[in-house]
C-alpha cells in the first residue's frame, strides 16, 4: 500500500491524502501515522482520495472515524472522494455514509471547504 500526502495548490490549507491498495489490519497503521502527522501539524482540512483503494477493513474504518472526530473538533473536516463501488458498499454497511462527507471528486471536496 502507498500513501501520499500533499497540500492543494488551489487551497493551501487543505491537504490531500492519496491511498493506493488495501487498507486492512496490516496497512491501517501507516494511514494512521500519516493522519497523526497531519494532526500534529494542526492540519484539519483533509481530503482522502480512495480512487485506488480496493478494500477497507473495520480497522481502516476506525482510523478514519478517529480522524473525522479530531478534525471536526478543531473546526475542520475529513472529506472522502472517489470511493470505488465495493469500498463505498463497506462504508454504507458500517453506517459511515451518514457520518462522512463523501463526494464524487477532489474539485467538489475543495469547493466544500
Protein backbone atom coordinates (compact mmCIF):
# COMPACT_ATOMS: atom_id res chain seq x y z
CA UNK A 1 0.00 0.00 0.00
CA UNK A 2 1.15 3.52 -0.78
CA UNK A 3 0.13 6.76 0.91
CA UNK A 4 0.96 10.20 -0.46
CA UNK A 5 0.04 13.48 1.27
CA UNK A 6 0.33 16.95 -0.25
CA UNK A 7 -1.34 20.32 0.03
CA UNK A 8 -3.80 21.56 -2.57
CA UNK A 9 -2.48 24.17 -5.00
CA UNK A 10 -5.91 25.85 -5.05
CA UNK A 11 -6.35 25.92 -1.26
CA UNK A 12 -3.02 25.54 0.55
CA UNK A 13 -4.71 24.92 3.92
CA UNK A 14 -6.36 21.78 2.51
CA UNK A 15 -4.28 18.61 2.33
CA UNK A 16 -4.95 15.67 0.03
CA UNK A 17 -4.15 12.12 1.04
CA UNK A 18 -3.92 9.66 -1.84
CA UNK A 19 -4.02 5.99 -0.91
CA UNK A 20 -3.31 3.08 -3.21
CA UNK A 21 -4.05 -0.56 -2.36
CA UNK A 22 -5.82 -2.27 0.53
CA UNK A 23 -6.45 -0.70 3.92
CA UNK A 24 -6.52 -3.64 6.30
CA UNK A 25 -5.07 -4.75 9.64
CA UNK A 26 -1.56 -4.78 8.16
CA UNK A 27 -1.70 -1.37 6.47
CA UNK A 28 -4.12 0.75 8.54
CA UNK A 29 -1.25 1.72 10.84
CA UNK A 30 0.54 3.51 8.01
CA UNK A 31 -2.57 5.55 7.21
CA UNK A 32 -2.99 6.31 10.91
CA UNK A 33 0.63 7.52 11.12
CA UNK A 34 0.12 9.89 8.18
CA UNK A 35 -3.09 11.26 9.70
CA UNK A 36 -1.38 11.65 13.09
CA UNK A 37 1.40 13.61 11.40
CA UNK A 38 -1.19 15.99 9.95
CA UNK A 39 -2.84 16.32 13.36
CA UNK A 40 0.49 17.22 14.97
CA UNK A 41 0.90 19.99 12.38
CA UNK A 42 -2.63 21.29 13.16
CA UNK A 43 -3.85 20.42 9.66
CA UNK A 44 -7.60 19.87 9.99
CA UNK A 45 -8.87 20.17 6.42
CA UNK A 46 -8.18 16.86 4.72
CA UNK A 47 -9.40 15.18 1.55
CA UNK A 48 -8.82 11.44 1.29
CA UNK A 49 -8.82 10.11 -2.27
CA UNK A 50 -9.98 6.47 -2.43
CA UNK A 51 -9.76 6.12 -6.22
CA UNK A 52 -7.05 3.44 -5.97
CA UNK A 53 -8.28 1.74 -2.79
CA UNK A 54 -9.86 -1.63 -3.49
CA UNK A 55 -10.66 -2.73 0.08
CA UNK A 56 -11.01 -1.32 3.59
CA UNK A 57 -11.35 -3.33 6.80
CA UNK A 58 -13.01 -2.37 10.07
CA UNK A 59 -9.58 -1.33 11.34
CA UNK A 60 -9.27 1.07 8.42
CA UNK A 61 -12.73 2.46 9.07
CA UNK A 62 -11.75 3.09 12.70
CA UNK A 63 -8.70 5.10 11.62
CA UNK A 64 -10.85 7.42 9.51
CA UNK A 65 -13.56 7.74 12.17
CA UNK A 66 -10.94 8.82 14.71
CA UNK A 67 -9.55 11.38 12.26
CA UNK A 68 -13.04 12.65 11.48
CA UNK A 69 -13.65 13.32 15.17
CA UNK A 70 -10.46 15.32 15.75
CA UNK A 71 -10.73 17.33 12.53
CA UNK A 72 -14.30 18.35 13.31
CA UNK A 73 -13.40 19.12 16.93
CA UNK A 74 -10.94 21.68 15.52
CA UNK A 75 -13.50 23.19 13.07
CA UNK A 76 -12.10 21.20 10.14
CA UNK A 77 -13.33 18.15 8.27
CA UNK A 78 -12.24 14.94 6.63
CA UNK A 79 -13.85 14.58 3.20
CA UNK A 80 -13.73 11.35 1.22
CA UNK A 81 -13.67 11.28 -2.58
CA UNK A 82 -13.62 8.80 -5.46
CA UNK A 83 -14.86 5.79 -3.49
CA UNK A 84 -14.94 2.71 -5.73
CA UNK A 85 -18.21 0.73 -5.50
CA UNK A 86 -17.00 -2.08 -3.23
CA UNK A 87 -15.38 0.38 -0.78
CA UNK A 88 -18.47 2.58 -0.81
CA UNK A 89 -20.54 -0.51 -0.01
CA UNK A 90 -18.39 -1.18 3.07
CA UNK A 91 -18.89 2.43 4.24
CA UNK A 92 -22.66 2.03 3.73
CA UNK A 93 -22.84 -1.28 5.60
CA UNK A 94 -20.97 0.28 8.53
CA UNK A 95 -23.35 3.27 8.53
CA UNK A 96 -20.46 5.62 7.81
CA UNK A 97 -22.04 7.27 4.78
CA UNK A 98 -24.19 9.21 7.26
CA UNK A 99 -21.14 10.39 9.20
CA UNK A 100 -18.68 11.33 6.47
CA UNK A 101 -18.93 13.94 3.76
CA UNK A 102 -18.44 11.71 0.69
CA UNK A 103 -18.06 13.49 -2.64
CA UNK A 104 -17.51 12.39 -6.22
CA UNK A 105 -14.20 14.15 -6.84
CA UNK A 106 -11.49 16.37 -5.38
CA UNK A 107 -12.82 19.51 -7.02
CA UNK A 108 -16.18 19.10 -5.24
CA UNK A 109 -14.40 18.49 -1.94
CA UNK A 110 -12.21 21.57 -2.36
CA UNK A 111 -15.27 23.70 -3.09
CA UNK A 112 -16.98 22.31 0.03
CA UNK A 113 -14.20 23.66 2.28
